[in-house]
């Protein structure tokens, strides 16, 4: 979990999320921490509530997630879908998504989630070229963000949203001395989104930065 605001505010922020984290999500978060101690790859409770709210506000029926890990974010978004809604989850790890499957089953959302184990760029390119995606969440390898964004924005319906996680990189995006691959890729996608006439966007200081993109 990355802190952009004073870490002492965390408990206050999480205490003011609604709905509160339930037993399934708490158990999933705890198992993830046991499996990968100190991991920062799982979204926080407040970001899960935020994503679920965005799915609901867009009245999404088709959601695409790039980067599923142990399934916390997918579970939050799948719960916000209508009964006939579908979430396509893209990941390359059988190990981590095996954890996800168990919790999706326990939460009663397993049937809404179509897990595809393959490089995400390949999975996205197999999707229909029509503008049918209502909402997308990108939270995977940062070097792939520019490709994932381009593949998704072309398939996003007008008025649909894309959320990209970790778009501040702990503040390193503004460090001119940082030329690491992931920071360079995030700068590239941030700049491309800002200049893209197909969309309007805002980069929010939520956790490690969340960029929201709305297709015109």
C-alpha atoms as a PDB file:
ATOM      1  CA  UNK A   1       0.000   0.000   0.000  1.00  0.00           C
ATOM      2  CA  UNK A   2       1.518   3.315  -1.070  1.00  0.00           C
ATOM      3  CA  UNK A   3       0.999   6.426   1.017  1.00  0.00           C
ATOM      4  CA  UNK A   4       0.585   9.782  -0.726  1.00  0.00           C
ATOM      5  CA  UNK A   5      -1.103  11.406   2.261  1.00  0.00           C
ATOM      6  CA  UNK A   6      -0.045  11.141   5.900  1.00  0.00           C
ATOM      7  CA  UNK A   7      -0.042   7.408   6.792  1.00  0.00           C
ATOM      8  CA  UNK A   8      -1.743   8.274  10.086  1.00  0.00           C
ATOM      9  CA  UNK A   9      -4.890   9.022   8.059  1.00  0.00           C
ATOM     10  CA  UNK A  10      -5.162   5.451   6.755  1.00  0.00           C
ATOM     11  CA  UNK A  11      -7.300   4.104   9.569  1.00  0.00           C
ATOM     12  CA  UNK A  12      -9.605   7.112   9.303  1.00  0.00           C
ATOM     13  CA  UNK A  13      -9.930   6.732   5.534  1.00  0.00           C
ATOM     14  CA  UNK A  14     -10.683   3.030   5.733  1.00  0.00           C
ATOM     15  CA  UNK A  15     -13.150   3.522   8.586  1.00  0.00           C
ATOM     16  CA  UNK A  16     -15.137   5.831   6.352  1.00  0.00           C
ATOM     17  CA  UNK A  17     -15.530   3.427   3.419  1.00  0.00           C
ATOM     18  CA  UNK A  18     -18.994   2.086   2.813  1.00  0.00           C
ATOM     19  CA  UNK A  19     -19.674  -0.765   2.516  1.00  0.00           C
ATOM     20  CA  UNK A  20     -17.060  -1.939   4.999  1.00  0.00           C
ATOM     21  CA  UNK A  21     -14.724  -4.784   4.096  1.00  0.00           C
ATOM     22  CA  UNK A  22     -16.596  -8.019   4.756  1.00  0.00           C
ATOM     23  CA  UNK A  23     -15.295 -11.400   5.914  1.00  0.00           C
ATOM     24  CA  UNK A  24     -14.587 -12.703   2.398  1.00  0.00           C
ATOM     25  CA  UNK A  25     -12.476  -9.695   1.452  1.00  0.00           C
ATOM     26  CA  UNK A  26     -10.711  -9.662   4.832  1.00  0.00           C
ATOM     27  CA  UNK A  27      -9.843 -13.347   4.512  1.00  0.00           C
ATOM     28  CA  UNK A  28      -8.630 -12.854   0.936  1.00  0.00           C
ATOM     29  CA  UNK A  29      -6.430  -9.924   1.963  1.00  0.00           C
ATOM     30  CA  UNK A  30      -5.020 -11.930   4.874  1.00  0.00           C
ATOM     31  CA  UNK A  31      -4.247 -14.980   2.725  1.00  0.00           C
ATOM     32  CA  UNK A  32      -2.573 -12.755   0.139  1.00  0.00           C
ATOM     33  CA  UNK A  33      -0.346 -11.229   2.810  1.00  0.00           C
ATOM     34  CA  UNK A  34       0.594 -14.701   4.053  1.00  0.00           C
ATOM     35  CA  UNK A  35       1.381 -15.866   0.521  1.00  0.00           C
ATOM     36  CA  UNK A  36       3.307 -12.728  -0.465  1.00  0.00           C
ATOM     37  CA  UNK A  37       4.461 -10.959   2.713  1.00  0.00           C
ATOM     38  CA  UNK A  38       4.689  -7.192   2.312  1.00  0.00           C
ATOM     39  CA  UNK A  39       3.032  -7.232  -1.092  1.00  0.00           C
ATOM     40  CA  UNK A  40       1.921  -3.930  -2.622  1.00  0.00           C
ATOM     41  CA  UNK A  41       0.310  -5.658  -5.604  1.00  0.00           C
ATOM     42  CA  UNK A  42      -3.131  -5.879  -4.008  1.00  0.00           C
ATOM     43  CA  UNK A  43      -5.378  -2.829  -4.004  1.00  0.00           C
ATOM     44  CA  UNK A  44      -6.543  -1.387  -0.696  1.00  0.00           C
ATOM     45  CA  UNK A  45     -10.053  -1.578   0.738  1.00  0.00           C
ATOM     46  CA  UNK A  46     -10.898   2.023  -0.191  1.00  0.00           C
ATOM     47  CA  UNK A  47      -9.763   1.517  -3.773  1.00  0.00           C
ATOM     48  CA  UNK A  48     -11.941  -1.587  -3.990  1.00  0.00           C
ATOM     49  CA  UNK A  49     -14.973   0.430  -2.894  1.00  0.00           C
ATOM     50  CA  UNK A  50     -14.009   3.127  -5.409  1.00  0.00           C
ATOM     51  CA  UNK A  51     -13.823   0.625  -8.284  1.00  0.00           C
ATOM     52  CA  UNK A  52     -17.141  -0.967  -7.351  1.00  0.00           C
ATOM     53  CA  UNK A  53     -18.740   2.476  -7.275  1.00  0.00           C
ATOM     54  CA  UNK A  54     -17.391   3.283 -10.751  1.00  0.00           C
ATOM     55  CA  UNK A  55     -18.766   0.008 -12.115  1.00  0.00           C
ATOM     56  CA  UNK A  56     -22.151   0.874 -10.664  1.00  0.00           C
ATOM     57  CA  UNK A  57     -22.113   4.488 -11.868  1.00  0.00           C
ATOM     58  CA  UNK A  58     -21.332   3.423 -15.436  1.00  0.00           C
ATOM     59  CA  UNK A  59     -24.017   0.716 -15.247  1.00  0.00           C
ATOM     60  CA  UNK A  60     -21.386  -1.598 -16.647  1.00  0.00           C
ATOM     61  CA  UNK A  61     -22.293  -4.964 -18.079  1.00  0.00           C
ATOM     62  CA  UNK A  62     -18.868  -5.784 -19.528  1.00  0.00           C
ATOM     63  CA  UNK A  63     -15.751  -5.080 -17.463  1.00  0.00           C
ATOM     64  CA  UNK A  64     -12.177  -5.937 -18.440  1.00  0.00           C
ATOM     65  CA  UNK A  65      -9.436  -6.216 -15.825  1.00  0.00           C
ATOM     66  CA  UNK A  66      -5.759  -6.349 -16.793  1.00  0.00           C
ATOM     67  CA  UNK A  67      -3.821  -7.787 -13.862  1.00  0.00           C
ATOM     68  CA  UNK A  68      -5.847  -9.883 -11.431  1.00  0.00           C
ATOM     69  CA  UNK A  69      -3.290 -11.213  -8.904  1.00  0.00           C
ATOM     70  CA  UNK A  70      -5.271 -12.915  -6.101  1.00  0.00           C
ATOM     71  CA  UNK A  71      -8.591 -11.468  -7.191  1.00  0.00           C
ATOM     72  CA  UNK A  72      -9.479  -8.721  -4.686  1.00  0.00           C
ATOM     73  CA  UNK A  73     -10.250  -6.026  -7.263  1.00  0.00           C
ATOM     74  CA  UNK A  74     -12.096  -8.454  -9.547  1.00  0.00           C
ATOM     75  CA  UNK A  75     -14.258  -9.572  -6.634  1.00  0.00           C
ATOM     76  CA  UNK A  76     -15.148  -5.966  -5.770  1.00  0.00           C
ATOM     77  CA  UNK A  77     -16.065  -5.128  -9.363  1.00  0.00           C
ATOM     78  CA  UNK A  78     -17.935  -8.375 -10.032  1.00  0.00           C
ATOM     79  CA  UNK A  79     -20.147  -7.756  -7.016  1.00  0.00           C
ATOM     80  CA  UNK A  80     -21.148  -4.394  -8.529  1.00  0.00           C
ATOM     81  CA  UNK A  81     -22.212  -5.964 -11.835  1.00  0.00           C
ATOM     82  CA  UNK A  82     -25.807  -6.930 -12.586  1.00  0.00           C
ATOM     83  CA  UNK A  83     -26.592 -10.649 -12.594  1.00  0.00           C
ATOM     84  CA  UNK A  84     -26.050 -10.854 -16.354  1.00  0.00           C
ATOM     85  CA  UNK A  85     -22.831  -8.815 -16.226  1.00  0.00           C
ATOM     86  CA  UNK A  86     -19.427 -10.260 -17.088  1.00  0.00           C
ATOM     87  CA  UNK A  87     -15.870  -9.476 -16.066  1.00  0.00           C
ATOM     88  CA  UNK A  88     -12.972 -10.636 -18.241  1.00  0.00           C
ATOM     89  CA  UNK A  89      -9.937 -11.044 -15.971  1.00  0.00           C
ATOM     90  CA  UNK A  90      -6.513 -11.118 -17.658  1.00  0.00           C
ATOM     91  CA  UNK A  91      -3.499 -12.566 -15.872  1.00  0.00           C
ATOM     92  CA  UNK A  92      -0.508 -14.826 -16.497  1.00  0.00           C
ATOM     93  CA  UNK A  93      -0.301 -16.582 -13.113  1.00  0.00           C
ATOM     94  CA  UNK A  94      -2.123 -19.808 -12.355  1.00  0.00           C
ATOM     95  CA  UNK A  95      -0.679 -19.734  -8.834  1.00  0.00           C
ATOM     96  CA  UNK A  96      -2.145 -16.402  -7.742  1.00  0.00           C
ATOM     97  CA  UNK A  97      -5.421 -16.767  -9.617  1.00  0.00           C
ATOM     98  CA  UNK A  98      -6.006 -20.166  -7.986  1.00  0.00           C
ATOM     99  CA  UNK A  99      -6.406 -18.173  -4.753  1.00  0.00           C
ATOM    100  CA  UNK A 100      -8.728 -15.773  -6.564  1.00  0.00           C
ATOM    101  CA  UNK A 101     -10.976 -18.560  -7.844  1.00  0.00           C
ATOM    102  CA  UNK A 102     -11.622 -19.871  -4.351  1.00  0.00           C
ATOM    103  CA  UNK A 103     -12.741 -16.485  -3.064  1.00  0.00           C
ATOM    104  CA  UNK A 104     -14.837 -15.690  -6.137  1.00  0.00           C
ATOM    105  CA  UNK A 105     -16.655 -18.975  -5.524  1.00  0.00           C
ATOM    106  CA  UNK A 106     -17.129 -18.167  -1.860  1.00  0.00           C
ATOM    107  CA  UNK A 107     -18.462 -14.676  -2.711  1.00  0.00           C
ATOM    108  CA  UNK A 108     -20.928 -16.059  -5.254  1.00  0.00           C
ATOM    109  CA  UNK A 109     -19.462 -14.171  -8.233  1.00  0.00           C
ATOM    110  CA  UNK A 110     -17.524 -17.008  -9.881  1.00  0.00           C
ATOM    111  CA  UNK A 111     -19.980 -17.298 -12.780  1.00  0.00           C
ATOM    112  CA  UNK A 112     -19.579 -13.614 -13.650  1.00  0.00           C
ATOM    113  CA  UNK A 113     -15.807 -13.804 -14.081  1.00  0.00           C
ATOM    114  CA  UNK A 114     -14.126 -15.093 -17.231  1.00  0.00           C
ATOM    115  CA  UNK A 115     -10.496 -15.674 -16.239  1.00  0.00           C
ATOM    116  CA  UNK A 116      -8.056 -15.815 -19.153  1.00  0.00           C
ATOM    117  CA  UNK A 117      -4.510 -16.975 -18.451  1.00  0.00           C
ATOM    118  CA  UNK A 118      -2.299 -15.517 -21.167  1.00  0.00           C
ATOM    119  CA  UNK A 119      -0.302 -12.348 -21.846  1.00  0.00           C
ATOM    120  CA  UNK A 120      -2.865  -9.563 -21.533  1.00  0.00           C
ATOM    121  CA  UNK A 121      -1.997  -7.945 -24.869  1.00  0.00           C
ATOM    122  CA  UNK A 122      -2.835 -11.222 -26.614  1.00  0.00           C
ATOM    123  CA  UNK A 123      -6.119 -11.578 -24.722  1.00  0.00           C
ATOM    124  CA  UNK A 124      -7.177  -7.993 -25.479  1.00  0.00           C
ATOM    125  CA  UNK A 125      -6.447  -8.413 -29.179  1.00  0.00           C
ATOM    126  CA  UNK A 126      -8.793 -11.409 -29.316  1.00  0.00           C
ATOM    127  CA  UNK A 127     -11.728  -9.314 -28.074  1.00  0.00           C
ATOM    128  CA  UNK A 128     -14.216  -7.996 -30.630  1.00  0.00           C
ATOM    129  CA  UNK A 129     -13.120  -4.718 -32.213  1.00  0.00           C
ATOM    130  CA  UNK A 130     -16.513  -3.122 -31.488  1.00  0.00           C
ATOM    131  CA  UNK A 131     -16.986  -0.518 -28.741  1.00  0.00           C
ATOM    132  CA  UNK A 132     -18.552  -2.887 -26.212  1.00  0.00           C
ATOM    133  CA  UNK A 133     -16.438  -2.485 -23.047  1.00  0.00           C
ATOM    134  CA  UNK A 134     -18.154  -0.412 -20.356  1.00  0.00           C
ATOM    135  CA  UNK A 135     -15.376  -0.259 -17.779  1.00  0.00           C
ATOM    136  CA  UNK A 136     -11.748  -1.399 -17.621  1.00  0.00           C
ATOM    137  CA  UNK A 137      -9.171  -1.523 -14.845  1.00  0.00           C
ATOM    138  CA  UNK A 138      -5.451  -1.720 -15.631  1.00  0.00           C
ATOM    139  CA  UNK A 139      -3.181  -2.840 -12.792  1.00  0.00           C
ATOM    140  CA  UNK A 140      -0.456  -5.043 -14.242  1.00  0.00           C
ATOM    141  CA  UNK A 141       3.130  -4.776 -15.491  1.00  0.00           C
ATOM    142  CA  UNK A 142       3.757  -1.078 -15.988  1.00  0.00           C
ATOM    143  CA  UNK A 143       5.774  -1.524 -19.185  1.00  0.00           C
ATOM    144  CA  UNK A 144       2.619  -2.880 -20.821  1.00  0.00           C
ATOM    145  CA  UNK A 145       0.356   0.040 -19.914  1.00  0.00           C
ATOM    146  CA  UNK A 146       0.708   1.923 -23.235  1.00  0.00           C
ATOM    147  CA  UNK A 147      -0.334  -1.192 -25.182  1.00  0.00           C
ATOM    148  CA  UNK A 148      -3.131  -2.121 -22.781  1.00  0.00           C
ATOM    149  CA  UNK A 149      -4.537   1.404 -22.931  1.00  0.00           C
ATOM    150  CA  UNK A 150      -4.558   1.498 -26.735  1.00  0.00           C
ATOM    151  CA  UNK A 151      -6.213  -1.900 -27.043  1.00  0.00           C
ATOM    152  CA  UNK A 152      -8.883  -0.995 -24.493  1.00  0.00           C
ATOM    153  CA  UNK A 153      -9.721   2.560 -25.533  1.00  0.00           C
ATOM    154  CA  UNK A 154     -10.495   1.323 -29.045  1.00  0.00           C
ATOM    155  CA  UNK A 155     -13.039  -1.124 -27.563  1.00  0.00           C
ATOM    156  CA  UNK A 156     -14.496   1.241 -24.952  1.00  0.00           C
ATOM    157  CA  UNK A 157     -18.014   2.500 -25.551  1.00  0.00           C
ATOM    158  CA  UNK A 158     -18.661   6.258 -25.590  1.00  0.00           C
ATOM    159  CA  UNK A 159     -19.122   7.304 -21.989  1.00  0.00           C
ATOM    160  CA  UNK A 160     -17.234   4.252 -20.751  1.00  0.00           C
ATOM    161  CA  UNK A 161     -14.341   4.470 -18.290  1.00  0.00           C
ATOM    162  CA  UNK A 162     -10.817   3.115 -17.953  1.00  0.00           C
ATOM    163  CA  UNK A 163      -9.055   3.288 -14.580  1.00  0.00           C
ATOM    164  CA  UNK A 164      -5.271   2.895 -14.520  1.00  0.00           C
ATOM    165  CA  UNK A 165      -3.549   2.182 -11.204  1.00  0.00           C
ATOM    166  CA  UNK A 166      -0.087   3.265  -9.987  1.00  0.00           C
ATOM    167  CA  UNK A 167       0.191   6.222 -12.354  1.00  0.00           C
ATOM    168  CA  UNK A 168       2.312   8.271  -9.928  1.00  0.00           C
ATOM    169  CA  UNK A 169       4.891   5.557  -9.210  1.00  0.00           C
ATOM    170  CA  UNK A 170       5.522   6.746  -5.684  1.00  0.00           C
ATOM    171  CA  UNK A 171       6.169  10.236  -7.042  1.00  0.00           C
ATOM    172  CA  UNK A 172       8.968   9.041  -9.328  1.00  0.00           C
ATOM    173  CA  UNK A 173       7.125  10.241 -12.453  1.00  0.00           C
ATOM    174  CA  UNK A 174       8.384  13.767 -11.680  1.00  0.00           C
ATOM    175  CA  UNK A 175      11.972  12.721 -10.963  1.00  0.00           C
ATOM    176  CA  UNK A 176      13.979  13.576 -14.104  1.00  0.00           C
ATOM    177  CA  UNK A 177      16.783  11.279 -12.954  1.00  0.00           C
ATOM    178  CA  UNK A 178      14.543   8.202 -12.930  1.00  0.00           C
ATOM    179  CA  UNK A 179      14.781   6.378 -16.250  1.00  0.00           C
ATOM    180  CA  UNK A 180      13.615   2.972 -15.030  1.00  0.00           C
ATOM    181  CA  UNK A 181      11.497   0.995 -17.474  1.00  0.00           C
ATOM    182  CA  UNK A 182       8.290   1.130 -15.484  1.00  0.00           C
ATOM    183  CA  UNK A 183       8.510   4.860 -14.718  1.00  0.00           C
ATOM    184  CA  UNK A 184       9.253   5.675 -18.352  1.00  0.00           C
ATOM    185  CA  UNK A 185       6.272   3.566 -19.455  1.00  0.00           C
ATOM    186  CA  UNK A 186       3.953   5.311 -16.985  1.00  0.00           C
ATOM    187  CA  UNK A 187       5.133   8.734 -18.150  1.00  0.00           C
ATOM    188  CA  UNK A 188       4.469   7.620 -21.717  1.00  0.00           C
ATOM    189  CA  UNK A 189       0.919   6.475 -21.035  1.00  0.00           C
ATOM    190  CA  UNK A 190       0.144   9.523 -18.862  1.00  0.00           C
ATOM    191  CA  UNK A 191       1.272  11.847 -21.662  1.00  0.00           C
ATOM    192  CA  UNK A 192      -0.548   9.842 -24.336  1.00  0.00           C
ATOM    193  CA  UNK A 193      -3.814   9.956 -22.425  1.00  0.00           C
ATOM    194  CA  UNK A 194      -3.574  13.709 -21.844  1.00  0.00           C
ATOM    195  CA  UNK A 195      -3.022  14.285 -25.576  1.00  0.00           C
ATOM    196  CA  UNK A 196      -5.654  11.773 -26.756  1.00  0.00           C
ATOM    197  CA  UNK A 197      -8.590  13.611 -28.431  1.00  0.00           C
ATOM    198  CA  UNK A 198     -10.818  10.540 -28.016  1.00  0.00           C
ATOM    199  CA  UNK A 199     -11.001  10.944 -24.239  1.00  0.00           C
ATOM    200  CA  UNK A 200     -11.127  13.228 -21.232  1.00  0.00           C
ATOM    201  CA  UNK A 201      -9.107  12.276 -18.168  1.00  0.00           C
ATOM    202  CA  UNK A 202      -8.045  13.115 -14.637  1.00  0.00           C
ATOM    203  CA  UNK A 203      -5.097  11.787 -12.613  1.00  0.00           C
ATOM    204  CA  UNK A 204      -6.166  11.469  -8.984  1.00  0.00           C
ATOM    205  CA  UNK A 205      -3.818  11.180  -5.967  1.00  0.00           C
ATOM    206  CA  UNK A 206      -5.579   8.034  -4.752  1.00  0.00           C
ATOM    207  CA  UNK A 207      -3.000   5.709  -3.182  1.00  0.00           C
ATOM    208  CA  UNK A 208      -0.232   5.507  -5.827  1.00  0.00           C
ATOM    209  CA  UNK A 209      -2.226   7.465  -8.394  1.00  0.00           C
ATOM    210  CA  UNK A 210      -5.369   6.444 -10.269  1.00  0.00           C
ATOM    211  CA  UNK A 211      -6.017   7.878 -13.727  1.00  0.00           C
ATOM    212  CA  UNK A 212      -9.639   7.937 -14.843  1.00  0.00           C
ATOM    213  CA  UNK A 213     -10.288   8.085 -18.587  1.00  0.00           C
ATOM    214  CA  UNK A 214     -13.736   8.702 -20.089  1.00  0.00           C
ATOM    215  CA  UNK A 215     -14.317   8.118 -23.786  1.00  0.00           C
ATOM    216  CA  UNK A 216     -16.026  11.004 -25.531  1.00  0.00           C
END
